[in-house]
Amino acid sequence: MSPFIWFELGRVAEERKDYERALLEYDKLADTYPSARESILAKISAARLCLKRLNRPHDALRFYEEASASVVPHLDLDRDIQVGIQQAKDVLSQNAQLSAGAASTG
């Protein structure tokens, strides 16, 4: 399957709110076509899903960092990637503070 069509398959799953399926398709696309531009788009989409829909900030950070480290040219996407990395780190920090607060009161 072409990377473009595969990316669209992930988007359709996402539009149908089948987030786990969309994540699976994005991840498989990125692994299968690591040198295609769609692989970066898939990693960013997977990261966004993990952060915004699936409450998996660790996975979101990993996907954003993989997109950032990609050898595929992506200067036009770098700002989105860096913002996503910061958002994922912020959520992880907030979660750590909440856990520490709960541990100290419990």
PDB file of N, CA and C in Angstrom:
ATOM      1  N   MET A   1       0.853  -1.175   0.000  1.00  0.00           N
ATOM      2  CA  MET A   1       0.000   0.000   0.000  1.00  0.00           C
ATOM      3  C   MET A   1       0.902   1.242   0.000  1.00  0.00           C
ATOM      4  N   SER A   2       0.508   2.247  -0.737  1.00  0.00           N
ATOM      5  CA  SER A   2       1.320   3.461  -0.790  1.00  0.00           C
ATOM      6  C   SER A   2       1.243   4.194   0.550  1.00  0.00           C
ATOM      7  N   PRO A   3       2.296   4.932   0.907  1.00  0.00           N
ATOM      8  CA  PRO A   3       2.278   5.673   2.174  1.00  0.00           C
ATOM      9  C   PRO A   3       1.116   6.667   2.253  1.00  0.00           C
ATOM     10  N   PHE A   4       0.794   7.315   1.134  1.00  0.00           N
ATOM     11  CA  PHE A   4      -0.299   8.287   1.131  1.00  0.00           C
ATOM     12  C   PHE A   4      -1.627   7.622   1.473  1.00  0.00           C
ATOM     13  N   ILE A   5      -1.910   6.503   0.820  1.00  0.00           N
ATOM     14  CA  ILE A   5      -3.171   5.796   1.069  1.00  0.00           C
ATOM     15  C   ILE A   5      -3.209   5.266   2.499  1.00  0.00           C
ATOM     16  N   TRP A   6      -2.072   4.752   2.967  1.00  0.00           N
ATOM     17  CA  TRP A   6      -2.009   4.228   4.329  1.00  0.00           C
ATOM     18  C   TRP A   6      -2.267   5.343   5.343  1.00  0.00           C
ATOM     19  N   PHE A   7      -1.697   6.523   5.086  1.00  0.00           N
ATOM     20  CA  PHE A   7      -1.928   7.659   5.978  1.00  0.00           C
ATOM     21  C   PHE A   7      -3.415   8.021   5.998  1.00  0.00           C
ATOM     22  N   GLU A   8      -4.031   8.021   4.837  1.00  0.00           N
ATOM     23  CA  GLU A   8      -5.469   8.323   4.756  1.00  0.00           C
ATOM     24  C   GLU A   8      -6.291   7.284   5.509  1.00  0.00           C
ATOM     25  N   LEU A   9      -5.862   6.032   5.485  1.00  0.00           N
ATOM     26  CA  LEU A   9      -6.550   4.982   6.238  1.00  0.00           C
ATOM     27  C   LEU A   9      -6.523   5.303   7.731  1.00  0.00           C
ATOM     28  N   GLY A  10      -5.397   5.765   8.221  1.00  0.00           N
ATOM     29  CA  GLY A  10      -5.302   6.174   9.619  1.00  0.00           C
ATOM     30  C   GLY A  10      -6.211   7.356   9.919  1.00  0.00           C
ATOM     31  N   ARG A  11      -6.259   8.300   9.007  1.00  0.00           N
ATOM     32  CA  ARG A  11      -7.125   9.479   9.204  1.00  0.00           C
ATOM     33  C   ARG A  11      -8.602   9.090   9.237  1.00  0.00           C
ATOM     34  N   VAL A  12      -8.988   8.141   8.395  1.00  0.00           N
ATOM     35  CA  VAL A  12     -10.386   7.684   8.398  1.00  0.00           C
ATOM     36  C   VAL A  12     -10.710   7.037   9.749  1.00  0.00           C
ATOM     37  N   ALA A  13      -9.825   6.205  10.238  1.00  0.00           N
ATOM     38  CA  ALA A  13     -10.048   5.578  11.548  1.00  0.00           C
ATOM     39  C   ALA A  13     -10.144   6.643  12.633  1.00  0.00           C
ATOM     40  N   GLU A  14      -9.307   7.655  12.539  1.00  0.00           N
ATOM     41  CA  GLU A  14      -9.341   8.738  13.524  1.00  0.00           C
ATOM     42  C   GLU A  14     -10.663   9.509  13.442  1.00  0.00           C
ATOM     43  N   GLU A  15     -11.116   9.804  12.251  1.00  0.00           N
ATOM     44  CA  GLU A  15     -12.383  10.513  12.073  1.00  0.00           C
ATOM     45  C   GLU A  15     -13.558   9.718  12.633  1.00  0.00           C
ATOM     46  N   ARG A  16     -13.444   8.415  12.587  1.00  0.00           N
ATOM     47  CA  ARG A  16     -14.499   7.530  13.126  1.00  0.00           C
ATOM     48  C   ARG A  16     -14.336   7.317  14.632  1.00  0.00           C
ATOM     49  N   LYS A  17     -13.355   8.005  15.210  1.00  0.00           N
ATOM     50  CA  LYS A  17     -13.062   7.926  16.642  1.00  0.00           C
ATOM     51  C   LYS A  17     -12.570   6.541  17.062  1.00  0.00           C
ATOM     52  N   ASP A  18     -12.005   5.817  16.116  1.00  0.00           N
ATOM     53  CA  ASP A  18     -11.375   4.535  16.402  1.00  0.00           C
ATOM     54  C   ASP A  18      -9.878   4.824  16.599  1.00  0.00           C
ATOM     55  N   TYR A  19      -9.580   5.435  17.749  1.00  0.00           N
ATOM     56  CA  TYR A  19      -8.246   5.977  17.983  1.00  0.00           C
ATOM     57  C   TYR A  19      -7.169   4.900  18.077  1.00  0.00           C
ATOM     58  N   GLU A  20      -7.487   3.785  18.680  1.00  0.00           N
ATOM     59  CA  GLU A  20      -6.488   2.708  18.771  1.00  0.00           C
ATOM     60  C   GLU A  20      -6.132   2.190  17.384  1.00  0.00           C
ATOM     61  N   ARG A  21      -7.139   2.043  16.520  1.00  0.00           N
ATOM     62  CA  ARG A  21      -6.888   1.576  15.151  1.00  0.00           C
ATOM     63  C   ARG A  21      -6.061   2.615  14.384  1.00  0.00           C
ATOM     64  N   ALA A  22      -6.405   3.884  14.537  1.00  0.00           N
ATOM     65  CA  ALA A  22      -5.654   4.950  13.868  1.00  0.00           C
ATOM     66  C   ALA A  22      -4.200   4.927  14.333  1.00  0.00           C
ATOM     67  N   LEU A  23      -3.994   4.791  15.628  1.00  0.00           N
ATOM     68  CA  LEU A  23      -2.639   4.744  16.173  1.00  0.00           C
ATOM     69  C   LEU A  23      -1.865   3.567  15.588  1.00  0.00           C
ATOM     70  N   LEU A  24      -2.510   2.419  15.510  1.00  0.00           N
ATOM     71  CA  LEU A  24      -1.876   1.230  14.941  1.00  0.00           C
ATOM     72  C   LEU A  24      -1.465   1.473  13.482  1.00  0.00           C
ATOM     73  N   GLU A  25      -2.359   2.063  12.700  1.00  0.00           N
ATOM     74  CA  GLU A  25      -2.062   2.323  11.287  1.00  0.00           C
ATOM     75  C   GLU A  25      -0.924   3.335  11.140  1.00  0.00           C
ATOM     76  N   TYR A  26      -0.959   4.403  11.929  1.00  0.00           N
ATOM     77  CA  TYR A  26       0.107   5.405  11.864  1.00  0.00           C
ATOM     78  C   TYR A  26       1.456   4.789  12.240  1.00  0.00           C
ATOM     79  N   ASP A  27       1.458   3.985  13.282  1.00  0.00           N
ATOM     80  CA  ASP A  27       2.706   3.379  13.750  1.00  0.00           C
ATOM     81  C   ASP A  27       3.260   2.402  12.716  1.00  0.00           C
ATOM     82  N   LYS A  28       2.395   1.579  12.146  1.00  0.00           N
ATOM     83  CA  LYS A  28       2.845   0.620  11.126  1.00  0.00           C
ATOM     84  C   LYS A  28       3.345   1.339   9.877  1.00  0.00           C
ATOM     85  N   LEU A  29       2.669   2.402   9.486  1.00  0.00           N
ATOM     86  CA  LEU A  29       3.106   3.194   8.336  1.00  0.00           C
ATOM     87  C   LEU A  29       4.507   3.749   8.572  1.00  0.00           C
ATOM     88  N   ALA A  30       4.717   4.349   9.727  1.00  0.00           N
ATOM     89  CA  ALA A  30       6.019   4.944  10.032  1.00  0.00           C
ATOM     90  C   ALA A  30       7.124   3.890  10.053  1.00  0.00           C
ATOM     91  N   ASP A  31       6.827   2.702  10.549  1.00  0.00           N
ATOM     92  CA  ASP A  31       7.822   1.633  10.580  1.00  0.00           C
ATOM     93  C   ASP A  31       8.105   1.073   9.189  1.00  0.00           C
ATOM     94  N   THR A  32       7.081   1.015   8.356  1.00  0.00           N
ATOM     95  CA  THR A  32       7.226   0.420   7.027  1.00  0.00           C
ATOM     96  C   THR A  32       7.904   1.361   6.040  1.00  0.00           C
ATOM     97  N   TYR A  33       7.622   2.651   6.140  1.00  0.00           N
ATOM     98  CA  TYR A  33       8.166   3.649   5.212  1.00  0.00           C
ATOM     99  C   TYR A  33       8.905   4.752   5.963  1.00  0.00           C
ATOM    100  N   PRO A  34      10.003   4.419   6.646  1.00  0.00           N
ATOM    101  CA  PRO A  34      10.680   5.426   7.476  1.00  0.00           C
ATOM    102  C   PRO A  34      11.268   6.604   6.685  1.00  0.00           C
ATOM    103  N   SER A  35      11.498   6.430   5.383  1.00  0.00           N
ATOM    104  CA  SER A  35      12.090   7.522   4.606  1.00  0.00           C
ATOM    105  C   SER A  35      11.052   8.335   3.832  1.00  0.00           C
ATOM    106  N   ALA A  36       9.780   8.026   4.027  1.00  0.00           N
ATOM    107  CA  ALA A  36       8.706   8.778   3.365  1.00  0.00           C
ATOM    108  C   ALA A  36       8.237   9.925   4.260  1.00  0.00           C
ATOM    109  N   ARG A  37       7.870  11.019   3.645  1.00  0.00           N
ATOM    110  CA  ARG A  37       7.364  12.158   4.408  1.00  0.00           C
ATOM    111  C   ARG A  37       6.138  11.760   5.236  1.00  0.00           C
ATOM    112  N   GLU A  38       5.324  10.868   4.708  1.00  0.00           N
ATOM    113  CA  GLU A  38       4.144  10.421   5.447  1.00  0.00           C
ATOM    114  C   GLU A  38       4.511   9.770   6.782  1.00  0.00           C
ATOM    115  N   SER A  39       5.735   9.238   6.891  1.00  0.00           N
ATOM    116  CA  SER A  39       6.133   8.638   8.165  1.00  0.00           C
ATOM    117  C   SER A  39       6.221   9.695   9.258  1.00  0.00           C
ATOM    118  N   ILE A  40       6.703  10.874   8.918  1.00  0.00           N
ATOM    119  CA  ILE A  40       6.757  11.956   9.915  1.00  0.00           C
ATOM    120  C   ILE A  40       5.340  12.411  10.264  1.00  0.00           C
ATOM    121  N   LEU A  41       4.526  12.574   9.234  1.00  0.00           N
ATOM    122  CA  LEU A  41       3.133  12.967   9.481  1.00  0.00           C
ATOM    123  C   LEU A  41       2.425  11.925  10.342  1.00  0.00           C
ATOM    124  N   ALA A  42       2.726  10.657  10.097  1.00  0.00           N
ATOM    125  CA  ALA A  42       2.118   9.578  10.881  1.00  0.00           C
ATOM    126  C   ALA A  42       2.589   9.634  12.330  1.00  0.00           C
ATOM    127  N   LYS A  43       3.869   9.902  12.538  1.00  0.00           N
ATOM    128  CA  LYS A  43       4.389   9.991  13.911  1.00  0.00           C
ATOM    129  C   LYS A  43       3.767  11.171  14.655  1.00  0.00           C
ATOM    130  N   ILE A  44       3.626  12.297  13.967  1.00  0.00           N
ATOM    131  CA  ILE A  44       2.999  13.465  14.596  1.00  0.00           C
ATOM    132  C   ILE A  44       1.535  13.166  14.915  1.00  0.00           C
ATOM    133  N   SER A  45       0.845  12.531  13.982  1.00  0.00           N
ATOM    134  CA  SER A  45      -0.560  12.183  14.216  1.00  0.00           C
ATOM    135  C   SER A  45      -0.691  11.193  15.365  1.00  0.00           C
ATOM    136  N   ALA A  46       0.197  10.216  15.410  1.00  0.00           N
ATOM    137  CA  ALA A  46       0.172   9.234  16.499  1.00  0.00           C
ATOM    138  C   ALA A  46       0.446   9.922  17.836  1.00  0.00           C
ATOM    139  N   ALA A  47       1.408  10.825  17.842  1.00  0.00           N
ATOM    140  CA  ALA A  47       1.736  11.544  19.073  1.00  0.00           C
ATOM    141  C   ALA A  47       0.544  12.372  19.548  1.00  0.00           C
ATOM    142  N   ARG A  48      -0.089  13.065  18.624  1.00  0.00           N
ATOM    143  CA  ARG A  48      -1.251  13.894  18.965  1.00  0.00           C
ATOM    144  C   ARG A  48      -2.376  13.032  19.546  1.00  0.00           C
ATOM    145  N   LEU A  49      -2.622  11.875  18.928  1.00  0.00           N
ATOM    146  CA  LEU A  49      -3.648  10.960  19.452  1.00  0.00           C
ATOM    147  C   LEU A  49      -3.305  10.494  20.870  1.00  0.00           C
ATOM    148  N   CYS A  50      -2.059  10.126  21.064  1.00  0.00           N
ATOM    149  CA  CYS A  50      -1.640   9.650  22.390  1.00  0.00           C
ATOM    150  C   CYS A  50      -1.809  10.746  23.439  1.00  0.00           C
ATOM    151  N   LEU A  51      -1.497  11.963  23.064  1.00  0.00           N
ATOM    152  CA  LEU A  51      -1.558  13.067  24.013  1.00  0.00           C
ATOM    153  C   LEU A  51      -2.980  13.549  24.254  1.00  0.00           C
ATOM    154  N   LYS A  52      -3.743  13.716  23.200  1.00  0.00           N
ATOM    155  CA  LYS A  52      -5.056  14.370  23.305  1.00  0.00           C
ATOM    156  C   LYS A  52      -6.223  13.404  23.501  1.00  0.00           C
ATOM    157  N   ARG A  53      -6.102  12.178  23.018  1.00  0.00           N
ATOM    158  CA  ARG A  53      -7.249  11.260  23.037  1.00  0.00           C
ATOM    159  C   ARG A  53      -7.046  10.014  23.889  1.00  0.00           C
ATOM    160  N   LEU A  54      -5.805   9.546  23.998  1.00  0.00           N
ATOM    161  CA  LEU A  54      -5.571   8.255  24.644  1.00  0.00           C
ATOM    162  C   LEU A  54      -4.907   8.357  26.018  1.00  0.00           C
ATOM    163  N   ASN A  55      -4.606   9.578  26.447  1.00  0.00           N
ATOM    164  CA  ASN A  55      -3.976   9.794  27.758  1.00  0.00           C
ATOM    165  C   ASN A  55      -2.713   8.951  27.925  1.00  0.00           C
ATOM    166  N   ARG A  56      -1.843   9.028  26.915  1.00  0.00           N
ATOM    167  CA  ARG A  56      -0.578   8.285  26.932  1.00  0.00           C
ATOM    168  C   ARG A  56       0.568   9.245  26.609  1.00  0.00           C
ATOM    169  N   PRO A  57       0.857  10.167  27.527  1.00  0.00           N
ATOM    170  CA  PRO A  57       1.874  11.186  27.243  1.00  0.00           C
ATOM    171  C   PRO A  57       3.275  10.620  27.022  1.00  0.00           C
ATOM    172  N   HIS A  58       3.615   9.494  27.658  1.00  0.00           N
ATOM    173  CA  HIS A  58       4.936   8.887  27.414  1.00  0.00           C
ATOM    174  C   HIS A  58       5.068   8.480  25.947  1.00  0.00           C
ATOM    175  N   ASP A  59       4.019   7.857  25.418  1.00  0.00           N
ATOM    176  CA  ASP A  59       4.039   7.450  24.015  1.00  0.00           C
ATOM    177  C   ASP A  59       4.044   8.673  23.104  1.00  0.00           C
ATOM    178  N   ALA A  60       3.292   9.698  23.474  1.00  0.00           N
ATOM    179  CA  ALA A  60       3.266  10.928  22.674  1.00  0.00           C
ATOM    180  C   ALA A  60       4.667  11.516  22.586  1.00  0.00           C
ATOM    181  N   LEU A  61       5.356  11.600  23.709  1.00  0.00           N
ATOM    182  CA  LEU A  61       6.710  12.149  23.718  1.00  0.00           C
ATOM    183  C   LEU A  61       7.636  11.313  22.836  1.00  0.00           C
ATOM    184  N   ARG A  62       7.515  10.010  22.911  1.00  0.00           N
ATOM    185  CA  ARG A  62       8.350   9.125  22.087  1.00  0.00           C
ATOM    186  C   ARG A  62       8.101   9.369  20.599  1.00  0.00           C
ATOM    187  N   PHE A  63       6.833   9.447  20.197  1.00  0.00           N
ATOM    188  CA  PHE A  63       6.524   9.684  18.782  1.00  0.00           C
ATOM    189  C   PHE A  63       7.024  11.052  18.319  1.00  0.00           C
ATOM    190  N   TYR A  64       6.825  12.076  19.142  1.00  0.00           N
ATOM    191  CA  TYR A  64       7.321  13.408  18.771  1.00  0.00           C
ATOM    192  C   TYR A  64       8.841  13.415  18.644  1.00  0.00           C
ATOM    193  N   GLU A  65       9.521  12.771  19.573  1.00  0.00           N
ATOM    194  CA  GLU A  65      10.983  12.738  19.521  1.00  0.00           C
ATOM    195  C   GLU A  65      11.475  11.944  18.308  1.00  0.00           C
ATOM    196  N   GLU A  66      10.795  10.868  17.958  1.00  0.00           N
ATOM    197  CA  GLU A  66      11.151  10.114  16.756  1.00  0.00           C
ATOM    198  C   GLU A  66      10.951  10.968  15.509  1.00  0.00           C
ATOM    199  N   ALA A  67       9.872  11.726  15.461  1.00  0.00           N
ATOM    200  CA  ALA A  67       9.634  12.621  14.322  1.00  0.00           C
ATOM    201  C   ALA A  67      10.728  13.671  14.246  1.00  0.00           C
ATOM    202  N   SER A  68      11.117  14.213  15.378  1.00  0.00           N
ATOM    203  CA  SER A  68      12.164  15.237  15.415  1.00  0.00           C
ATOM    204  C   SER A  68      13.496  14.695  14.917  1.00  0.00           C
ATOM    205  N   ALA A  69      13.788  13.439  15.234  1.00  0.00           N
ATOM    206  CA  ALA A  69      15.066  12.833  14.870  1.00  0.00           C
ATOM    207  C   ALA A  69      15.080  12.253  13.452  1.00  0.00           C
ATOM    208  N   SER A  70      13.968  12.303  12.765  1.00  0.00           N
ATOM    209  CA  SER A  70      13.875  11.711  11.427  1.00  0.00           C
ATOM    210  C   SER A  70      14.843  12.362  10.450  1.00  0.00           C
ATOM    211  N   VAL A  71      15.395  11.540   9.551  1.00  0.00           N
ATOM    212  CA  VAL A  71      16.296  12.051   8.518  1.00  0.00           C
ATOM    213  C   VAL A  71      15.522  12.662   7.350  1.00  0.00           C
ATOM    214  N   VAL A  72      14.221  12.445   7.317  1.00  0.00           N
ATOM    215  CA  VAL A  72      13.388  13.015   6.264  1.00  0.00           C
ATOM    216  C   VAL A  72      13.282  14.521   6.529  1.00  0.00           C
ATOM    217  N   PRO A  73      13.522  15.358   5.524  1.00  0.00           N
ATOM    218  CA  PRO A  73      13.413  16.805   5.734  1.00  0.00           C
ATOM    219  C   PRO A  73      12.019  17.185   6.259  1.00  0.00           C
ATOM    220  N   HIS A  74      12.026  17.994   7.319  1.00  0.00           N
ATOM    221  CA  HIS A  74      10.748  18.358   7.940  1.00  0.00           C
ATOM    222  C   HIS A  74      10.784  19.727   8.616  1.00  0.00           C
ATOM    223  N   LEU A  75      11.550  20.656   8.067  1.00  0.00           N
ATOM    224  CA  LEU A  75      11.649  21.978   8.671  1.00  0.00           C
ATOM    225  C   LEU A  75      10.289  22.644   8.843  1.00  0.00           C
ATOM    226  N   ASP A  76       9.382  22.425   7.895  1.00  0.00           N
ATOM    227  CA  ASP A  76       8.056  23.030   7.984  1.00  0.00           C
ATOM    228  C   ASP A  76       7.218  22.441   9.116  1.00  0.00           C
ATOM    229  N   LEU A  77       7.618  21.294   9.639  1.00  0.00           N
ATOM    230  CA  LEU A  77       6.875  20.640  10.715  1.00  0.00           C
ATOM    231  C   LEU A  77       7.583  20.756  12.063  1.00  0.00           C
ATOM    232  N   ASP A  78       8.789  21.300  12.056  1.00  0.00           N
ATOM    233  CA  ASP A  78       9.612  21.316  13.263  1.00  0.00           C
ATOM    234  C   ASP A  78       8.951  22.068  14.417  1.00  0.00           C
ATOM    235  N   ARG A  79       8.324  23.184  14.118  1.00  0.00           N
ATOM    236  CA  ARG A  79       7.661  23.947  15.197  1.00  0.00           C
ATOM    237  C   ARG A  79       6.557  23.113  15.837  1.00  0.00           C
ATOM    238  N   ASP A  80       5.728  22.453  15.029  1.00  0.00           N
ATOM    239  CA  ASP A  80       4.665  21.596  15.567  1.00  0.00           C
ATOM    240  C   ASP A  80       5.252  20.482  16.429  1.00  0.00           C
ATOM    241  N   ILE A  81       6.347  19.923  15.966  1.00  0.00           N
ATOM    242  CA  ILE A  81       6.993  18.842  16.717  1.00  0.00           C
ATOM    243  C   ILE A  81       7.508  19.358  18.053  1.00  0.00           C
ATOM    244  N   GLN A  82       8.186  20.497  18.041  1.00  0.00           N
ATOM    245  CA  GLN A  82       8.746  21.041  19.279  1.00  0.00           C
ATOM    246  C   GLN A  82       7.649  21.442  20.268  1.00  0.00           C
ATOM    247  N   VAL A  83       6.568  22.016  19.769  1.00  0.00           N
ATOM    248  CA  VAL A  83       5.426  22.356  20.637  1.00  0.00           C
ATOM    249  C   VAL A  83       4.843  21.080  21.229  1.00  0.00           C
ATOM    250  N   GLY A  84       4.706  20.042  20.416  1.00  0.00           N
ATOM    251  CA  GLY A  84       4.183  18.766  20.905  1.00  0.00           C
ATOM    252  C   GLY A  84       5.068  18.152  21.970  1.00  0.00           C
ATOM    253  N   ILE A  85       6.372  18.215  21.767  1.00  0.00           N
ATOM    254  CA  ILE A  85       7.312  17.697  22.773  1.00  0.00           C
ATOM    255  C   ILE A  85       7.119  18.430  24.093  1.00  0.00           C
ATOM    256  N   GLN A  86       7.006  19.749  24.025  1.00  0.00           N
ATOM    257  CA  GLN A  86       6.828  20.533  25.248  1.00  0.00           C
ATOM    258  C   GLN A  86       5.504  20.211  25.922  1.00  0.00           C
ATOM    259  N   GLN A  87       4.445  20.065  25.136  1.00  0.00           N
ATOM    260  CA  GLN A  87       3.137  19.728  25.713  1.00  0.00           C
ATOM    261  C   GLN A  87       3.179  18.367  26.399  1.00  0.00           C
ATOM    262  N   ALA A  88       3.806  17.398  25.762  1.00  0.00           N
ATOM    263  CA  ALA A  88       3.909  16.063  26.364  1.00  0.00           C
ATOM    264  C   ALA A  88       4.714  16.122  27.665  1.00  0.00           C
ATOM    265  N   LYS A  89       5.809  16.873  27.663  1.00  0.00           N
ATOM    266  CA  LYS A  89       6.613  17.013  28.880  1.00  0.00           C
ATOM    267  C   LYS A  89       5.819  17.718  29.975  1.00  0.00           C
ATOM    268  N   ASP A  90       5.032  18.717  29.602  1.00  0.00           N
ATOM    269  CA  ASP A  90       4.208  19.415  30.586  1.00  0.00           C
ATOM    270  C   ASP A  90       3.192  18.473  31.231  1.00  0.00           C
ATOM    271  N   VAL A  91       2.543  17.645  30.410  1.00  0.00           N
ATOM    272  CA  VAL A  91       1.566  16.687  30.945  1.00  0.00           C
ATOM    273  C   VAL A  91       2.256  15.684  31.860  1.00  0.00           C
ATOM    274  N   LEU A  92       3.417  15.198  31.452  1.00  0.00           N
ATOM    275  CA  LEU A  92       4.149  14.250  32.292  1.00  0.00           C
ATOM    276  C   LEU A  92       4.546  14.885  33.620  1.00  0.00           C
ATOM    277  N   SER A  93       4.959  16.134  33.575  1.00  0.00           N
ATOM    278  CA  SER A  93       5.328  16.858  34.791  1.00  0.00           C
ATOM    279  C   SER A  93       4.117  17.044  35.704  1.00  0.00           C
ATOM    280  N   GLN A  94       2.989  17.431  35.116  1.00  0.00           N
ATOM    281  CA  GLN A  94       1.757  17.588  35.903  1.00  0.00           C
ATOM    282  C   GLN A  94       1.344  16.271  36.536  1.00  0.00           C
ATOM    283  N   ASN A  95       1.445  15.191  35.768  1.00  0.00           N
ATOM    284  CA  ASN A  95       1.088  13.867  36.297  1.00  0.00           C
ATOM    285  C   ASN A  95       2.007  13.479  37.455  1.00  0.00           C
ATOM    286  N   ALA A  96       3.284  13.785  37.332  1.00  0.00           N
ATOM    287  CA  ALA A  96       4.240  13.476  38.390  1.00  0.00           C
ATOM    288  C   ALA A  96       3.928  14.282  39.640  1.00  0.00           C
ATOM    289  N   GLN A  97       3.567  15.551  39.476  1.00  0.00           N
ATOM    290  CA  GLN A  97       3.220  16.386  40.629  1.00  0.00           C
ATOM    291  C   GLN A  97       1.947  15.875  41.306  1.00  0.00           C
ATOM    292  N   LEU A  98       0.962  15.469  40.500  1.00  0.00           N
ATOM    293  CA  LEU A  98      -0.262  14.927  41.079  1.00  0.00           C
ATOM    294  C   LEU A  98       0.009  13.636  41.830  1.00  0.00           C
ATOM    295  N   SER A  99       0.867  12.801  41.266  1.00  0.00           N
ATOM    296  CA  SER A  99       1.199  11.533  41.938  1.00  0.00           C
ATOM    297  C   SER A  99       1.942  11.789  43.243  1.00  0.00           C
ATOM    298  N   ALA A 100       2.854  12.751  43.205  1.00  0.00           N
ATOM    299  CA  ALA A 100       3.610  13.082  44.424  1.00  0.00           C
ATOM    300  C   ALA A 100       2.681  13.656  45.488  1.00  0.00           C
ATOM    301  N   GLY A 101       1.744  14.492  45.067  1.00  0.00           N
ATOM    302  CA  GLY A 101       0.784  15.070  46.007  1.00  0.00           C
ATOM    303  C   GLY A 101      -0.122  14.019  46.609  1.00  0.00           C
ATOM    304  N   ALA A 102      -0.547  13.076  45.775  1.00  0.00           N
ATOM    305  CA  ALA A 102      -1.426  12.005  46.259  1.00  0.00           C
ATOM    306  C   ALA A 102      -0.662  11.088  47.218  1.00  0.00           C
ATOM    307  N   ALA A 103       0.604  10.851  46.934  1.00  0.00           N
ATOM    308  CA  ALA A 103       1.405   9.976  47.802  1.00  0.00           C
ATOM    309  C   ALA A 103       1.647  10.632  49.175  1.00  0.00           C
ATOM    310  N   SER A 104       1.813  11.941  49.171  1.00  0.00           N
ATOM    311  CA  SER A 104       2.096  12.621  50.438  1.00  0.00           C
ATOM    312  C   SER A 104       0.846  12.772  51.313  1.00  0.00           C
ATOM    313  N   THR A 105      -0.330  12.763  50.678  1.00  0.00           N
ATOM    314  CA  THR A 105      -1.565  12.878  51.453  1.00  0.00           C
ATOM    315  C   THR A 105      -2.158  11.524  51.791  1.00  0.00           C
ATOM    316  N   GLY A 106      -1.697  10.493  51.091  1.00  0.00           N
ATOM    317  CA  GLY A 106      -2.296   9.170  51.270  1.00  0.00           C
ATOM    318  C   GLY A 106      -1.563   8.370  52.221  1.00  0.00           C
TER     319      GLY A 106
END
